[in-house]
Amino acid sequence: MLLYLKARIPFISFRTDERDRALDLLRQLAPQLNIPIYVHTLSQGTRDIATNRAVNDDRSVPGALDFASQQIVQRQNLTFVLTETQDLGDDTPTSRQLLDVAASATERGGVIIVITTSPIWGRLQRQGMSLTLDPPNEDEMRAIIAECLTPYRGGLPIDWQDAELSEAAAILAGVTRIEAENALATLLAKGSITKADLSELAKVKDRIFSDIAGLERVKVTAGDVSVGGLSGLRAWLDKQRPLLTMDLRDRGLRPPRGVLLVGVPGCGKSLSAKAIADNWSLPLYRLDLSNIHGQYLGQSEGRLKEALATADRVAPCILWIDEIEKGLAGSGGSDGGTSSRIVGHFLYWLQEGRARVFVVSTANDITKLPPELFRRGRFDELFFVDLPTAPERGEIIALYLEKHLRRTFDEAIVSDLVELSEGFAGSDLQAAVAEAAREAVLKGDAVVDEEYLRKVFRNIVPLSKTNPEAIESIRAWGRERAVPASGVHAPASEGQQRARRSVLV
């Protein structure tokens, strides 16, 4: 901005949601330039930014432009800032009037600055330059947090030191200064600041973005996201969690980007996304790529860009993309190239993004995924979620018996159910226990004895038996190309190679 003002660029569009922060920046620059800067608002008319002295009482935008035009003709090197202009995105009377004033400013060294959140009519924008004032970065946010807390140290118990200040800055990155100050004021109102308030800070930020476009906020209830098995995936995730909010810039590293879960349907891929959000105490947002397609040219790409930009703003968060192959399929082409552009933009964001958005993508039909998605650097790891092993089935059955029947059973019956459930997916196990639980609700808990449970399990025909060819094809792919989410390599069929990848601990 300082260089543009020194160069006397006649028109500058200043894109930002933070009008007051933009005005503070201009107020700091005024003494360095040694020129007057006048600011117009609808509530106060036009005032001198340095002294707050009124120079024109007309509060309308056309009136402010008339005044600016008159003054620019009479005096050189004047700067006018408009903070509440409307209808500048198209060829409108206001855009035309502003274009005329900018033309006069070109001859007299004047500058017209428009602080706005909206695009500018192309012909007007070509008269000058455009700037964007991004929300405070992590370093700026850390300074804001320290500035807010310093007056209270000594008077209130504040447990945040350097590590907590850095984590709080990482959490609040993406919000405006006033939003950050309001979030901190909410915590201070309790009378103390503790380390546990870091998770509360994430919830406050989540409420700031509670109504966001392009994403679906998914409420996660702790009791609904218990996951059995998948020890390899869980061990890997435990290593990633602290890295998500660490400052890794001095190492040239970015925060963990996410994980792609492929495998057998019904084995806990989607449930894992919810479990990660719950375990990490982060908000969960769901992006449905198949629903972003619009009927007009460029509409689909615009919706995707808006959704991903929103995810960057609400970070740190978990972004869940369920059945990603449905949204990225068809990139070869009968849709005018829309799918290819969507894939391209998504992969670019995945590769180059630096926001603390941890992406959990799930896929059932890996044959429909573009091969570029599997390139290292897009996702941090590729996990294969297979049919649960016998120990995993025992863990899952015990979880569902406790959850749905609210009873514990002898190990002997659990072992029998494990044997009866060979080839079951996690969803098959839940369906069996849920059926028994419904019977208990209707006829009483006494009806559901050990023999009834065996009968229910014998009655379930799992997907691995109804569509064995498709399931075996998925399993064969996962053995060769992905890390087993269970942490255990499934036995290979005759003639097949055993999986070679594993979790590094």
Protein backbone atom coordinates (compact mmCIF):
# COMPACT_ATOMS: atom_id res chain seq x y z
CA MET A 1 0.00 0.00 0.00
CA LEU A 2 2.82 2.43 0.85
CA LEU A 3 4.41 1.97 -2.56
CA TYR A 4 1.09 2.47 -4.36
CA LEU A 5 0.45 5.69 -2.43
CA LYS A 6 3.95 6.97 -3.15
CA ALA A 7 3.48 6.13 -6.83
CA ARG A 8 0.12 7.98 -6.75
CA ILE A 9 -1.82 5.15 -8.38
CA PRO A 10 -5.15 6.90 -9.14
CA PHE A 11 -7.45 4.05 -8.08
CA ILE A 12 -6.83 1.33 -5.48
CA SER A 13 -9.35 -1.33 -4.50
CA PHE A 14 -8.57 -2.61 -1.00
CA ARG A 15 -10.28 -6.01 -0.56
CA THR A 16 -10.87 -6.89 3.09
CA ASP A 17 -13.52 -7.82 5.64
CA GLU A 18 -11.74 -5.68 8.25
CA ARG A 19 -12.53 -2.06 7.55
CA ASP A 20 -11.19 -0.79 10.86
CA ARG A 21 -7.93 -2.69 10.45
CA ALA A 22 -7.51 -1.25 6.94
CA LEU A 23 -8.13 2.27 8.25
CA ASP A 24 -5.58 1.73 11.05
CA LEU A 25 -3.03 0.75 8.41
CA LEU A 26 -3.75 3.92 6.41
CA ARG A 27 -3.61 5.99 9.58
CA GLN A 28 -0.11 4.65 10.27
CA LEU A 29 1.00 5.43 6.71
CA ALA A 30 -0.26 9.04 6.66
CA PRO A 31 2.69 10.54 8.63
CA GLN A 32 5.23 8.75 6.40
CA LEU A 33 3.65 10.28 3.29
CA ASN A 34 3.12 13.73 4.80
CA ILE A 35 -0.08 14.14 2.79
CA PRO A 36 -3.70 14.45 3.91
CA ILE A 37 -5.90 11.35 3.72
CA TYR A 38 -9.66 11.83 3.88
CA VAL A 39 -12.06 9.03 4.81
CA HIS A 40 -15.76 8.86 4.00
CA THR A 41 -18.31 6.84 6.01
CA LEU A 42 -22.08 6.89 5.79
CA SER A 43 -22.35 7.77 9.47
CA GLN A 44 -19.88 10.68 9.63
CA GLY A 45 -19.37 12.00 6.13
CA THR A 46 -15.79 12.83 5.09
CA ARG A 47 -13.14 13.38 7.76
CA ASP A 48 -9.38 13.80 7.99
CA ILE A 49 -7.97 10.42 8.99
CA ALA A 50 -5.24 11.94 11.19
CA THR A 51 -7.26 14.53 13.14
CA ASN A 52 -10.84 13.20 12.68
CA ARG A 53 -11.82 16.73 11.68
CA ALA A 54 -14.91 16.93 9.46
CA VAL A 55 -14.20 18.29 5.97
CA ASN A 56 -17.55 17.51 4.30
CA ASP A 57 -20.84 16.75 6.01
CA ASP A 58 -22.53 15.11 3.01
CA ARG A 59 -22.84 11.47 4.07
CA SER A 60 -23.94 10.01 0.72
CA VAL A 61 -21.47 8.27 -1.58
CA PRO A 62 -22.37 10.47 -4.61
CA GLY A 63 -21.90 13.53 -2.41
CA ALA A 64 -18.51 12.27 -1.23
CA LEU A 65 -17.45 11.66 -4.85
CA ASP A 66 -18.60 15.15 -5.88
CA PHE A 67 -16.54 16.63 -3.02
CA ALA A 68 -13.51 14.51 -3.92
CA SER A 69 -13.76 15.55 -7.58
CA GLN A 70 -13.88 19.25 -6.65
CA GLN A 71 -10.95 19.01 -4.25
CA ILE A 72 -8.77 16.97 -6.62
CA VAL A 73 -9.17 19.59 -9.34
CA GLN A 74 -8.15 22.37 -6.93
CA ARG A 75 -5.33 20.65 -5.01
CA GLN A 76 -2.69 18.09 -5.82
CA ASN A 77 -1.77 14.82 -4.11
CA LEU A 78 -5.03 14.31 -2.24
CA THR A 79 -6.12 10.85 -1.09
CA PHE A 80 -9.76 9.90 -0.54
CA VAL A 81 -10.89 6.63 1.05
CA LEU A 82 -14.44 5.33 0.49
CA THR A 83 -15.49 2.67 3.00
CA GLU A 84 -19.12 1.90 2.13
CA THR A 85 -19.62 1.93 -1.61
CA GLN A 86 -22.18 -0.33 -3.28
CA ASP A 87 -22.80 -1.65 -6.80
CA LEU A 88 -19.23 -1.39 -8.04
CA GLY A 89 -19.14 -4.87 -9.59
CA ASP A 90 -20.90 -3.79 -12.79
CA ASP A 91 -21.40 -0.76 -15.04
CA THR A 92 -23.55 1.32 -12.65
CA PRO A 93 -23.96 5.07 -12.08
CA THR A 94 -21.71 4.86 -9.01
CA SER A 95 -19.03 2.94 -10.97
CA ARG A 96 -19.21 5.53 -13.77
CA GLN A 97 -18.92 8.44 -11.34
CA LEU A 98 -15.96 6.79 -9.61
CA LEU A 99 -14.33 6.19 -13.01
CA ASP A 100 -14.61 9.91 -13.81
CA VAL A 101 -13.09 10.89 -10.45
CA ALA A 102 -10.24 8.42 -10.95
CA ALA A 103 -9.56 9.94 -14.37
CA SER A 104 -9.30 13.41 -12.77
CA ALA A 105 -7.03 12.00 -10.05
CA THR A 106 -4.64 10.70 -12.72
CA GLU A 107 -3.92 14.26 -13.86
CA ARG A 108 -3.57 15.80 -10.39
CA GLY A 109 -1.70 13.10 -8.44
CA GLY A 110 -4.81 12.15 -6.53
CA VAL A 111 -5.68 8.71 -5.20
CA ILE A 112 -9.09 7.12 -4.67
CA ILE A 113 -9.12 4.09 -2.37
CA VAL A 114 -12.18 1.86 -2.09
CA ILE A 115 -12.35 -0.52 0.89
CA THR A 116 -14.66 -3.34 -0.20
CA THR A 117 -15.41 -7.03 0.03
CA SER A 118 -16.80 -7.27 -3.50
CA PRO A 119 -15.28 -7.43 -7.02
CA ILE A 120 -14.80 -4.20 -8.97
CA TRP A 121 -16.12 -3.42 -12.45
CA GLY A 122 -13.32 -4.39 -14.85
CA ARG A 123 -13.05 -1.05 -16.64
CA LEU A 124 -12.77 0.78 -13.31
CA GLN A 125 -10.22 -1.67 -11.88
CA ARG A 126 -7.98 -1.21 -14.91
CA GLN A 127 -7.56 2.43 -13.87
CA GLY A 128 -5.42 1.29 -10.95
CA MET A 129 -4.35 -1.59 -8.75
CA SER A 130 -5.92 -4.07 -6.36
CA LEU A 131 -4.76 -5.08 -2.88
CA THR A 132 -6.05 -7.71 -0.48
CA LEU A 133 -5.71 -7.47 3.28
CA ASP A 134 -5.71 -11.05 4.47
CA PRO A 135 -6.73 -11.98 8.02
CA PRO A 136 -3.83 -11.87 10.50
CA ASN A 137 -1.28 -14.64 9.95
CA GLU A 138 -0.02 -16.76 12.83
CA ASP A 139 2.74 -14.34 13.82
CA GLU A 140 0.35 -11.38 13.75
CA MET A 141 -2.29 -13.38 15.62
CA ARG A 142 0.21 -14.32 18.30
CA ALA A 143 0.99 -10.64 18.81
CA ILE A 144 -2.75 -9.85 19.02
CA ILE A 145 -3.28 -12.58 21.62
CA ALA A 146 -0.32 -11.40 23.69
CA GLU A 147 -1.59 -7.82 23.47
CA CYS A 148 -5.02 -8.91 24.72
CA LEU A 149 -3.72 -11.01 27.62
CA THR A 150 -0.84 -8.85 28.87
CA PRO A 151 -3.01 -6.33 30.79
CA TYR A 152 -4.61 -9.21 32.74
CA ARG A 153 -1.42 -11.04 33.74
CA GLY A 154 -0.96 -10.64 37.47
CA GLY A 155 -4.63 -9.90 37.99
CA LEU A 156 -6.05 -13.16 36.60
CA PRO A 157 -4.64 -16.69 36.54
CA ILE A 158 -3.30 -17.09 32.98
CA ASP A 159 -1.53 -20.38 32.27
CA TRP A 160 -0.67 -19.70 28.64
CA GLN A 161 3.05 -19.43 27.95
CA ASP A 162 4.96 -19.50 24.66
CA ALA A 163 3.76 -22.94 23.56
CA GLU A 164 0.11 -22.18 24.35
CA LEU A 165 0.29 -18.75 22.69
CA SER A 166 1.61 -20.38 19.50
CA GLU A 167 -1.11 -23.04 19.55
CA ALA A 168 -3.80 -20.41 20.18
CA ALA A 169 -2.45 -18.39 17.24
CA ALA A 170 -2.64 -21.48 15.03
CA ILE A 171 -6.24 -22.07 16.11
CA LEU A 172 -7.35 -18.48 15.50
CA ALA A 173 -5.56 -18.05 12.18
CA GLY A 174 -8.14 -17.13 9.55
CA VAL A 175 -10.39 -14.97 11.72
CA THR A 176 -10.36 -11.19 11.81
CA ARG A 177 -8.72 -9.21 14.60
CA ILE A 178 -12.06 -8.22 16.14
CA GLU A 179 -13.26 -11.83 16.02
CA ALA A 180 -10.08 -12.97 17.77
CA GLU A 181 -10.45 -10.27 20.41
CA ASN A 182 -14.07 -11.28 21.01
CA ALA A 183 -13.07 -14.94 21.36
CA LEU A 184 -10.39 -14.08 23.90
CA ALA A 185 -12.78 -11.79 25.78
CA THR A 186 -15.18 -14.72 26.08
CA LEU A 187 -12.44 -16.78 27.75
CA LEU A 188 -11.33 -13.91 30.01
CA ALA A 189 -14.90 -13.45 31.21
CA LYS A 190 -14.56 -16.78 33.06
CA GLY A 191 -11.93 -15.22 35.32
CA SER A 192 -8.97 -17.32 34.21
CA ILE A 193 -7.17 -18.72 31.17
CA THR A 194 -6.13 -22.37 31.41
CA LYS A 195 -4.47 -24.80 29.01
CA ALA A 196 -7.80 -26.58 28.66
CA ASP A 197 -9.22 -23.38 27.16
CA LEU A 198 -7.34 -24.09 23.93
CA SER A 199 -10.00 -26.64 22.96
CA GLU A 200 -12.68 -24.15 24.00
CA LEU A 201 -11.02 -21.57 21.75
CA ALA A 202 -11.51 -23.93 18.80
CA LYS A 203 -15.20 -24.20 19.67
CA VAL A 204 -15.53 -20.41 19.85
CA LYS A 205 -13.96 -20.12 16.41
CA ASP A 206 -16.30 -22.83 15.15
CA ARG A 207 -19.28 -20.77 16.30
CA ILE A 208 -17.95 -17.77 14.37
CA PHE A 209 -18.24 -19.86 11.19
CA SER A 210 -21.39 -21.73 12.18
CA ASP A 211 -23.21 -20.71 8.98
CA ILE A 212 -20.80 -21.32 6.13
CA ALA A 213 -21.38 -21.90 2.44
CA GLY A 214 -20.40 -25.06 0.64
CA LEU A 215 -19.74 -27.20 3.71
CA GLU A 216 -21.94 -29.19 6.03
CA ARG A 217 -21.13 -28.95 9.73
CA VAL A 218 -21.26 -32.43 11.24
CA LYS A 219 -22.09 -32.68 14.91
CA VAL A 220 -20.13 -35.42 16.62
CA THR A 221 -21.37 -37.08 19.80
CA ALA A 222 -18.63 -38.85 21.73
CA GLY A 223 -20.74 -41.94 22.47
CA ASP A 224 -21.50 -42.49 18.80
CA VAL A 225 -17.94 -42.68 17.47
CA SER A 226 -16.29 -45.60 19.24
CA VAL A 227 -14.10 -47.45 16.74
CA GLY A 228 -12.90 -50.99 17.24
CA GLY A 229 -9.75 -52.31 15.58
CA LEU A 230 -7.81 -50.20 13.07
CA SER A 231 -4.85 -50.05 15.46
CA GLY A 232 -2.40 -49.19 12.69
CA LEU A 233 -4.44 -46.18 11.60
CA ARG A 234 -4.95 -45.05 15.18
CA ALA A 235 -1.22 -45.28 15.96
CA TRP A 236 -0.40 -43.20 12.88
CA LEU A 237 -3.02 -40.59 13.78
CA ASP A 238 -1.64 -40.26 17.31
CA LYS A 239 1.66 -39.15 15.77
CA GLN A 240 0.00 -36.59 13.50
CA ARG A 241 -2.17 -34.78 16.06
CA PRO A 242 0.54 -32.62 17.74
CA LEU A 243 2.01 -31.75 14.34
CA LEU A 244 -1.27 -30.15 13.22
CA THR A 245 -0.84 -27.13 15.49
CA MET A 246 2.97 -27.00 15.71
CA ASP A 247 4.91 -24.28 13.90
CA LEU A 248 6.85 -26.31 11.32
CA ARG A 249 7.94 -23.45 9.08
CA ASP A 250 11.57 -23.41 10.21
CA ARG A 251 11.81 -27.02 9.00
CA GLY A 252 10.22 -26.22 5.68
CA LEU A 253 7.32 -28.51 6.49
CA ARG A 254 3.59 -28.04 6.25
CA PRO A 255 1.01 -29.32 8.75
CA PRO A 256 -0.32 -32.86 8.18
CA ARG A 257 -2.55 -32.74 5.12
CA GLY A 258 -4.70 -35.79 5.57
CA VAL A 259 -5.34 -39.43 4.87
CA LEU A 260 -7.07 -41.40 2.13
CA LEU A 261 -8.99 -44.42 3.41
CA VAL A 262 -9.86 -47.03 0.81
CA GLY A 263 -11.26 -50.48 1.30
CA VAL A 264 -14.20 -52.73 1.88
CA PRO A 265 -17.58 -50.97 2.35
CA GLY A 266 -18.92 -50.95 5.89
CA CYS A 267 -15.59 -51.38 7.66
CA GLY A 268 -15.38 -48.04 9.46
CA LYS A 269 -13.92 -45.56 6.98
CA SER A 270 -16.60 -42.89 7.49
CA LEU A 271 -16.82 -43.58 11.21
CA SER A 272 -13.06 -42.96 11.41
CA ALA A 273 -13.53 -39.37 10.20
CA LYS A 274 -15.92 -38.70 13.07
CA ALA A 275 -13.65 -40.45 15.55
CA ILE A 276 -10.67 -38.32 14.49
CA ALA A 277 -12.66 -35.11 15.00
CA ASP A 278 -13.79 -36.32 18.42
CA ASN A 279 -10.35 -37.51 19.56
CA TRP A 280 -8.62 -34.37 18.32
CA SER A 281 -11.32 -32.02 19.69
CA LEU A 282 -11.68 -30.33 16.30
CA PRO A 283 -14.79 -29.36 14.33
CA LEU A 284 -15.82 -31.70 11.53
CA TYR A 285 -17.05 -30.44 8.15
CA ARG A 286 -18.29 -32.60 5.31
CA LEU A 287 -17.70 -31.68 1.67
CA ASP A 288 -19.92 -33.52 -0.80
CA LEU A 289 -18.10 -33.21 -4.12
CA SER A 290 -20.98 -34.81 -6.02
CA ASN A 291 -23.33 -31.97 -5.00
CA ILE A 292 -21.21 -29.01 -6.07
CA HIS A 293 -21.95 -29.42 -9.78
CA GLY A 294 -23.96 -26.53 -11.21
CA GLN A 295 -25.75 -26.07 -14.51
CA TYR A 296 -23.84 -22.99 -15.65
CA LEU A 297 -20.31 -22.75 -17.01
CA GLY A 298 -17.83 -22.20 -14.20
CA GLN A 299 -20.44 -22.63 -11.46
CA SER A 300 -19.11 -25.97 -10.24
CA GLU A 301 -15.52 -24.73 -10.03
CA GLY A 302 -16.68 -21.60 -8.22
CA ARG A 303 -18.59 -23.62 -5.65
CA LEU A 304 -15.58 -25.86 -5.01
CA LYS A 305 -13.22 -22.90 -4.63
CA GLU A 306 -15.61 -21.24 -2.19
CA ALA A 307 -15.97 -24.43 -0.14
CA LEU A 308 -12.22 -25.03 0.06
CA ALA A 309 -11.53 -21.38 0.87
CA THR A 310 -14.06 -21.64 3.67
CA ALA A 311 -12.36 -24.77 4.99
CA ASP A 312 -9.06 -22.85 5.05
CA ARG A 313 -10.70 -20.10 7.10
CA VAL A 314 -12.23 -22.41 9.72
CA ALA A 315 -8.94 -24.29 10.21
CA PRO A 316 -7.80 -26.09 12.25
CA CYS A 317 -10.53 -28.56 11.38
CA ILE A 318 -11.24 -31.98 9.93
CA LEU A 319 -12.58 -31.96 6.35
CA TRP A 320 -14.42 -35.19 5.58
CA ILE A 321 -14.92 -36.12 1.92
CA ASP A 322 -16.99 -39.29 1.80
CA GLU A 323 -16.84 -41.54 -1.27
CA ILE A 324 -14.51 -39.16 -3.03
CA GLU A 325 -14.60 -41.22 -6.22
CA LYS A 326 -18.19 -40.06 -6.88
CA GLY A 327 -17.12 -36.43 -6.99
CA LEU A 328 -13.89 -36.88 -8.92
CA ALA A 329 -15.05 -39.51 -11.40
CA GLY A 330 -15.63 -38.64 -15.03
CA SER A 331 -12.57 -36.44 -15.48
CA GLY A 332 -12.13 -37.90 -18.91
CA GLY A 333 -14.86 -36.04 -20.26
CA SER A 334 -18.31 -35.69 -21.58
CA ASP A 335 -19.13 -32.67 -19.41
CA GLY A 336 -17.20 -30.01 -21.27
CA GLY A 337 -14.14 -30.41 -19.08
CA THR A 338 -15.88 -29.46 -15.81
CA SER A 339 -14.79 -32.62 -14.00
CA SER A 340 -11.20 -32.19 -15.16
CA ARG A 341 -11.11 -28.62 -13.87
CA ILE A 342 -12.62 -29.70 -10.54
CA VAL A 343 -10.04 -32.47 -10.19
CA GLY A 344 -7.25 -30.07 -11.12
CA HIS A 345 -8.28 -27.42 -8.61
CA PHE A 346 -8.84 -29.94 -5.83
CA LEU A 347 -5.43 -31.56 -6.38
CA TYR A 348 -3.73 -28.15 -6.48
CA TRP A 349 -5.37 -27.16 -3.20
CA LEU A 350 -4.45 -30.51 -1.67
CA GLN A 351 -0.84 -30.20 -2.80
CA GLU A 352 -0.17 -26.53 -2.16
CA GLY A 353 -2.49 -25.60 0.71
CA ARG A 354 -0.86 -24.60 3.99
CA ALA A 355 -3.94 -24.15 6.17
CA ARG A 356 -4.37 -26.59 9.06
CA VAL A 357 -7.11 -28.57 7.36
CA PHE A 358 -6.78 -32.30 7.92
CA VAL A 359 -8.57 -34.06 5.07
CA VAL A 360 -10.12 -37.48 5.65
CA SER A 361 -11.24 -38.91 2.32
CA THR A 362 -12.90 -42.27 1.91
CA ALA A 363 -13.32 -44.38 -1.21
CA ASN A 364 -14.90 -47.72 -2.02
CA ASP A 365 -14.30 -48.03 -5.78
CA ILE A 366 -10.68 -47.09 -6.27
CA THR A 367 -10.81 -47.81 -10.00
CA LYS A 368 -12.76 -44.56 -10.49
CA LEU A 369 -10.18 -42.37 -8.77
CA PRO A 370 -7.77 -40.33 -10.92
CA PRO A 371 -4.24 -41.76 -10.62
CA GLU A 372 -2.87 -38.30 -9.75
CA LEU A 373 -4.65 -38.54 -6.40
CA PHE A 374 -2.30 -41.28 -5.23
CA ARG A 375 0.86 -39.26 -5.81
CA ARG A 376 2.88 -38.69 -2.66
CA GLY A 377 2.39 -35.19 -1.30
CA ARG A 378 -1.34 -35.07 -1.93
CA PHE A 379 -2.29 -37.15 1.10
CA ASP A 380 0.15 -37.97 3.87
CA GLU A 381 -0.79 -41.64 3.81
CA LEU A 382 -2.98 -44.17 2.05
CA PHE A 383 -4.63 -46.73 4.33
CA PHE A 384 -6.50 -49.84 3.36
CA VAL A 385 -9.44 -50.72 5.62
CA ASP A 386 -9.95 -54.45 5.29
CA LEU A 387 -12.50 -56.83 6.77
CA PRO A 388 -11.80 -56.94 10.51
CA THR A 389 -9.55 -59.68 11.81
CA ALA A 390 -10.74 -62.04 14.54
CA PRO A 391 -9.29 -59.93 17.41
CA GLU A 392 -10.80 -56.80 15.83
CA ARG A 393 -14.18 -58.49 15.50
CA GLY A 394 -14.04 -59.38 19.18
CA GLU A 395 -13.31 -55.74 20.08
CA ILE A 396 -16.08 -54.44 17.82
CA ILE A 397 -18.65 -56.97 19.08
CA ALA A 398 -17.84 -56.09 22.70
CA LEU A 399 -18.29 -52.39 21.93
CA TYR A 400 -21.70 -52.89 20.32
CA LEU A 401 -22.91 -55.31 23.02
CA GLU A 402 -22.10 -52.68 25.64
CA LYS A 403 -23.63 -49.86 23.60
CA HIS A 404 -26.86 -51.49 22.38
CA LEU A 405 -27.59 -54.19 24.98
CA ARG A 406 -25.94 -52.38 27.91
CA ARG A 407 -24.60 -55.69 29.18
CA THR A 408 -21.31 -57.50 29.34
CA PHE A 409 -21.10 -61.11 28.21
CA ASP A 410 -18.69 -63.93 28.98
CA GLU A 411 -15.63 -64.26 26.80
CA ALA A 412 -16.89 -67.63 25.65
CA ILE A 413 -19.96 -66.23 23.89
CA VAL A 414 -17.90 -63.39 22.38
CA SER A 415 -15.47 -65.99 21.03
CA ASP A 416 -18.38 -67.92 19.52
CA LEU A 417 -19.72 -64.76 17.87
CA VAL A 418 -16.24 -63.99 16.52
CA GLU A 419 -16.11 -67.43 14.92
CA LEU A 420 -19.64 -67.08 13.50
CA SER A 421 -18.80 -63.65 12.04
CA GLU A 422 -15.95 -64.71 9.77
CA GLY A 423 -16.12 -62.42 6.70
CA PHE A 424 -18.29 -59.81 8.45
CA ALA A 425 -17.68 -56.10 7.95
CA GLY A 426 -18.07 -53.72 10.87
CA SER A 427 -21.51 -52.72 9.62
CA ASP A 428 -22.56 -56.40 9.58
CA LEU A 429 -21.48 -56.77 13.19
CA GLN A 430 -23.44 -53.68 14.21
CA ALA A 431 -26.50 -54.86 12.30
CA ALA A 432 -26.45 -58.21 14.12
CA VAL A 433 -26.15 -56.69 17.59
CA ALA A 434 -28.71 -53.97 16.75
CA GLU A 435 -31.22 -56.64 15.68
CA ALA A 436 -30.79 -58.37 19.04
CA ALA A 437 -31.14 -55.04 20.82
CA ARG A 438 -34.44 -54.30 19.07
CA GLU A 439 -35.74 -57.66 20.24
CA ALA A 440 -34.66 -56.76 23.78
CA VAL A 441 -36.58 -53.49 23.58
CA LEU A 442 -39.73 -55.22 22.33
CA LYS A 443 -39.73 -58.35 24.51
CA GLY A 444 -37.34 -57.65 27.35
CA ASP A 445 -33.63 -58.19 27.95
CA ALA A 446 -34.17 -61.71 29.26
CA VAL A 447 -35.21 -62.88 25.79
CA VAL A 448 -31.81 -62.01 24.33
CA ASP A 449 -29.65 -64.76 25.77
CA GLU A 450 -26.46 -66.27 24.39
CA GLU A 451 -28.26 -68.71 22.13
CA TYR A 452 -30.38 -65.91 20.63
CA LEU A 453 -27.21 -63.95 19.83
CA ARG A 454 -25.74 -66.97 18.07
CA LYS A 455 -28.95 -67.37 16.08
CA VAL A 456 -28.90 -63.73 14.98
CA PHE A 457 -25.27 -63.93 13.85
CA ARG A 458 -25.94 -67.14 11.90
CA ASN A 459 -28.78 -65.34 10.12
CA ILE A 460 -26.59 -62.50 8.75
CA VAL A 461 -25.24 -62.89 5.22
CA PRO A 462 -22.33 -60.43 4.91
CA LEU A 463 -21.44 -58.46 1.81
CA SER A 464 -18.28 -60.55 1.41
CA LYS A 465 -20.54 -63.53 0.70
CA THR A 466 -23.20 -61.78 -1.42
CA ASN A 467 -20.64 -60.10 -3.71
CA PRO A 468 -17.37 -62.00 -3.16
CA GLU A 469 -15.75 -61.13 -6.49
CA ALA A 470 -16.00 -57.37 -5.94
CA ILE A 471 -14.81 -57.61 -2.34
CA GLU A 472 -11.84 -59.81 -3.24
CA SER A 473 -10.87 -57.39 -6.02
CA ILE A 474 -10.83 -54.50 -3.51
CA ARG A 475 -8.81 -56.54 -1.01
CA ALA A 476 -6.26 -57.58 -3.63
CA TRP A 477 -5.71 -53.92 -4.58
CA GLY A 478 -5.26 -52.87 -0.95
CA ARG A 479 -2.73 -55.59 -0.11
CA GLU A 480 -0.33 -54.30 -2.75
CA ARG A 481 -0.72 -50.54 -2.59
CA ALA A 482 -1.76 -49.33 0.86
CA VAL A 483 -0.85 -49.51 4.52
CA PRO A 484 -3.18 -51.87 6.44
CA ALA A 485 -5.33 -49.80 8.79
CA SER A 486 -5.45 -52.73 11.21
CA GLY A 487 -1.68 -52.73 11.51
CA VAL A 488 -1.78 -56.41 10.53
CA HIS A 489 -1.25 -57.77 7.05
CA ALA A 490 -4.15 -59.93 5.88
CA PRO A 491 -3.12 -63.36 4.64
CA ALA A 492 -2.65 -63.37 0.88
CA SER A 493 -4.49 -65.80 -1.33
CA GLU A 494 -2.47 -68.40 -3.21
CA GLY A 495 -0.42 -66.80 -5.94
CA GLN A 496 -0.72 -63.28 -4.45
CA GLN A 497 2.08 -61.25 -2.94
CA ARG A 498 1.85 -60.27 0.68
CA ALA A 499 1.48 -56.55 1.37
CA ARG A 500 4.78 -54.77 1.81
CA ARG A 501 3.80 -51.40 3.31
CA SER A 502 3.23 -50.84 7.02
CA VAL A 503 2.94 -48.12 9.66
CA LEU A 504 6.30 -46.73 10.80
CA VAL A 505 6.48 -46.30 14.58
